[in-house]
């Protein structure tokens, strides 16, 4: 399902226009992005938890040149599904 299909299905279920539904989705994603950028965790009951984690710096070795490189620390988005969602896919 792509974004257009998702938006039209959601608008059909909610009874809103596709334009209103698209604005609602954009607003939701914008707010979620802002909260994650601030370092907050987002929990959606029955769906899961989104959080930003910091990966530590590490040393890696290029297998062909045997050259050691330092990989700097970085922030990554992590998603952990809820137990309800996990049970649905078992």
Protein backbone atom coordinates (compact mmCIF):
# COMPACT_ATOMS: atom_id res chain seq x y z
CA UNK A 1 0.00 0.00 0.00
CA UNK A 2 1.48 3.32 -1.01
CA UNK A 3 0.76 6.78 0.43
CA UNK A 4 -2.01 7.59 -2.07
CA UNK A 5 -3.82 4.29 -1.40
CA UNK A 6 -3.44 4.74 2.35
CA UNK A 7 -4.80 8.29 2.24
CA UNK A 8 -7.81 7.36 0.11
CA UNK A 9 -8.66 4.33 2.30
CA UNK A 10 -8.35 6.38 5.49
CA UNK A 11 -10.50 9.19 4.05
CA UNK A 12 -13.13 6.65 3.03
CA UNK A 13 -13.22 5.13 6.52
CA UNK A 14 -13.28 8.49 8.34
CA UNK A 15 -15.66 10.22 5.97
CA UNK A 16 -13.28 13.13 5.28
CA UNK A 17 -12.14 14.43 1.93
CA UNK A 18 -8.84 13.17 0.57
CA UNK A 19 -7.37 16.68 0.94
CA UNK A 20 -8.37 16.92 4.62
CA UNK A 21 -7.06 13.43 5.30
CA UNK A 22 -3.77 14.24 3.56
CA UNK A 23 -3.38 17.37 5.69
CA UNK A 24 -4.17 15.35 8.82
CA UNK A 25 -1.51 12.76 7.98
CA UNK A 26 1.04 15.47 7.16
CA UNK A 27 0.32 17.21 10.47
CA UNK A 28 0.64 13.95 12.41
CA UNK A 29 3.96 13.07 10.77
CA UNK A 30 5.27 16.60 11.29
CA UNK A 31 4.42 16.50 15.00
CA UNK A 32 5.94 13.03 15.39
CA UNK A 33 9.13 14.16 13.64
CA UNK A 34 9.40 17.22 15.86
CA UNK A 35 8.96 15.16 19.03
CA UNK A 36 11.58 12.64 17.90
CA UNK A 37 14.02 15.43 17.04
CA UNK A 38 13.61 16.75 20.58
CA UNK A 39 14.57 13.31 21.90
CA UNK A 40 11.12 12.29 23.10
CA UNK A 41 9.69 8.78 22.82
CA UNK A 42 6.38 8.23 21.02
CA UNK A 43 4.17 5.35 22.18
CA UNK A 44 1.09 4.38 20.18
CA UNK A 45 -1.06 1.99 22.16
CA UNK A 46 -1.60 -1.27 20.29
CA UNK A 47 0.99 -0.36 17.64
CA UNK A 48 4.40 0.24 19.19
CA UNK A 49 7.04 2.68 20.36
CA UNK A 50 9.28 5.00 18.35
CA UNK A 51 12.46 6.37 19.92
CA UNK A 52 15.77 7.86 18.90
CA UNK A 53 18.85 5.97 20.09
CA UNK A 54 22.47 6.98 19.92
CA UNK A 55 24.84 4.47 18.35
CA UNK A 56 28.31 4.71 19.83
CA UNK A 57 31.37 5.32 17.71
CA UNK A 58 33.18 2.19 16.62
CA UNK A 59 36.17 0.99 14.67
CA UNK A 60 35.57 -0.99 11.51
CA UNK A 61 37.99 -2.69 9.14
CA UNK A 62 37.72 -2.56 5.36
CA UNK A 63 38.02 -6.24 4.31
CA UNK A 64 39.80 -5.54 1.01
CA UNK A 65 42.36 -2.95 2.13
CA UNK A 66 42.56 -4.02 5.81
CA UNK A 67 42.38 -0.32 6.65
CA UNK A 68 40.89 0.57 10.03
CA UNK A 69 38.30 3.35 10.04
CA UNK A 70 36.54 5.18 12.84
CA UNK A 71 32.77 5.33 12.38
CA UNK A 72 31.44 8.39 14.24
CA UNK A 73 28.48 8.19 16.64
CA UNK A 74 25.06 8.77 15.12
CA UNK A 75 21.39 8.94 16.03
CA UNK A 76 19.08 6.24 14.65
CA UNK A 77 15.32 5.84 14.78
CA UNK A 78 14.20 2.68 16.52
CA UNK A 79 10.75 1.07 16.41
CA UNK A 80 9.59 -1.60 18.84
CA UNK A 81 6.21 -3.19 18.03
CA UNK A 82 3.72 -3.67 20.84
CA UNK A 83 2.99 -7.12 22.18
CA UNK A 84 -0.56 -6.88 20.76
CA UNK A 85 0.83 -6.30 17.27
CA UNK A 86 3.41 -9.07 17.67
CA UNK A 87 0.69 -11.54 18.69
CA UNK A 88 -1.32 -10.73 15.54
CA UNK A 89 1.56 -11.84 13.34
CA UNK A 90 2.37 -15.10 15.10
